[in-house]
Amino acid sequence: MRDASVTAIAHAERVAENLDGPAFIAPGPEGHLLTGLADGRLAMFEPDAGDGDDDEFEVAGVIGARPFGVARGFGEVVIAAAGDKGLIAANEGRVIPLASTADGRPIRYAVDLAVAFSRSVVYFTDASDRFGPSHSWAEFVEHGAHGRLLAYDERKNSVDVVAHALRFPFGVALARDESFVLVSEMTEYRVLRRWLSGPRAGEMEAFVDGLPGYPAGISRTERDTFWIALYAPRIESLDRFADMPWLRALWFKMPRALQPKPRRVTWAIEVDAAGKILRELRDDSADAYAPVTGILERDGALYLGSPIRKGMLRVPLTTS
């Protein structure tokens, strides 16, 4: 899998430390960044403001559920993937439900999204139409194919299933020309590419496969490369039981304290438009910022977000 050497993360700093559980990060208006917080608020902030202003943030909405993936939508709307609440928009304090079912089944675990403005479509993941966020560990261990890639059409106010039977689909990102969409299939250790236009429209293929950890959020850079956040290294015992669901079920029934836990590692990889790994950043120290789910490059730095940490990690990309 590895085509590039691993570089230890150096000179990183914590920013916006008053943000609680900023799981994903997206560009916001006027140079701000946008994220969702554990208490259900959508926050816009400027971590590069200096003189202490990075501890301030503006509330863009309160959606009544935990927002995971967030994005600027059509007009002034902010769109959030909000777990078992589905796809939700916030506009000037108003909360607007967009999608709670797809193909007759509830959306139980909306995780991340990407907006295709040329199509007026929001592509988003439903990690499991069986388990919601509060039971995500069950989905993780079971290794079931209960996930879906969905598409919300803003013009028709309807939802289509783009792909189903996915294993814990998580992050989403679009090509600049919106010719394809990427989706991370976390418990399969890979990122898939679904072609949306061109001669291969409708086809699905492995974009990056055999990853050494669980791929989470994905984001595109100005260079048309993609950053992939890795949640944690693989859990060896789960790998051994991959094709033995009955053993996984026994494993899950063990007291949680006795079950192996994901290791705490800060981890990100950059790949090109063909899926070739260009570089890999990693921190295995005891106080590593982890698990990482959100990832965004801006102005020569990589911003990493986590659903269970305070603040974000900013990693300079030009400093060795």
Foldseek 3Di string as FASTA:
>chain_A
DAPADEDAFPPKDFFLQQAFFFAAWEQDPPRWIWTWGQQQWIWTAHRPPDPPRRPDIDTQERAPATFAAWDQAPDRWIWTQGWQQGIWIGDPHDIGRQDQDEPPAGLHTWAYWDADVVQQKIKTKRQASVHTPVCVVVLLLLQWQGMFIKIQRPVVSHIYTLDGRARRWAAWEAFPNRQWMWIFRFSQQFIKIAGCDDPRHSDIDTQAGDHQAGWAYWYADPVRKIKTWGQAGDDVVSVVCVPPSVVSVVLVPPPPVPHDDGQFKGKMWIAHPSNHTDYIYIDRDPPHPHDWHYWDDDDQWIWTGGRGGRGIMIGGNVDD
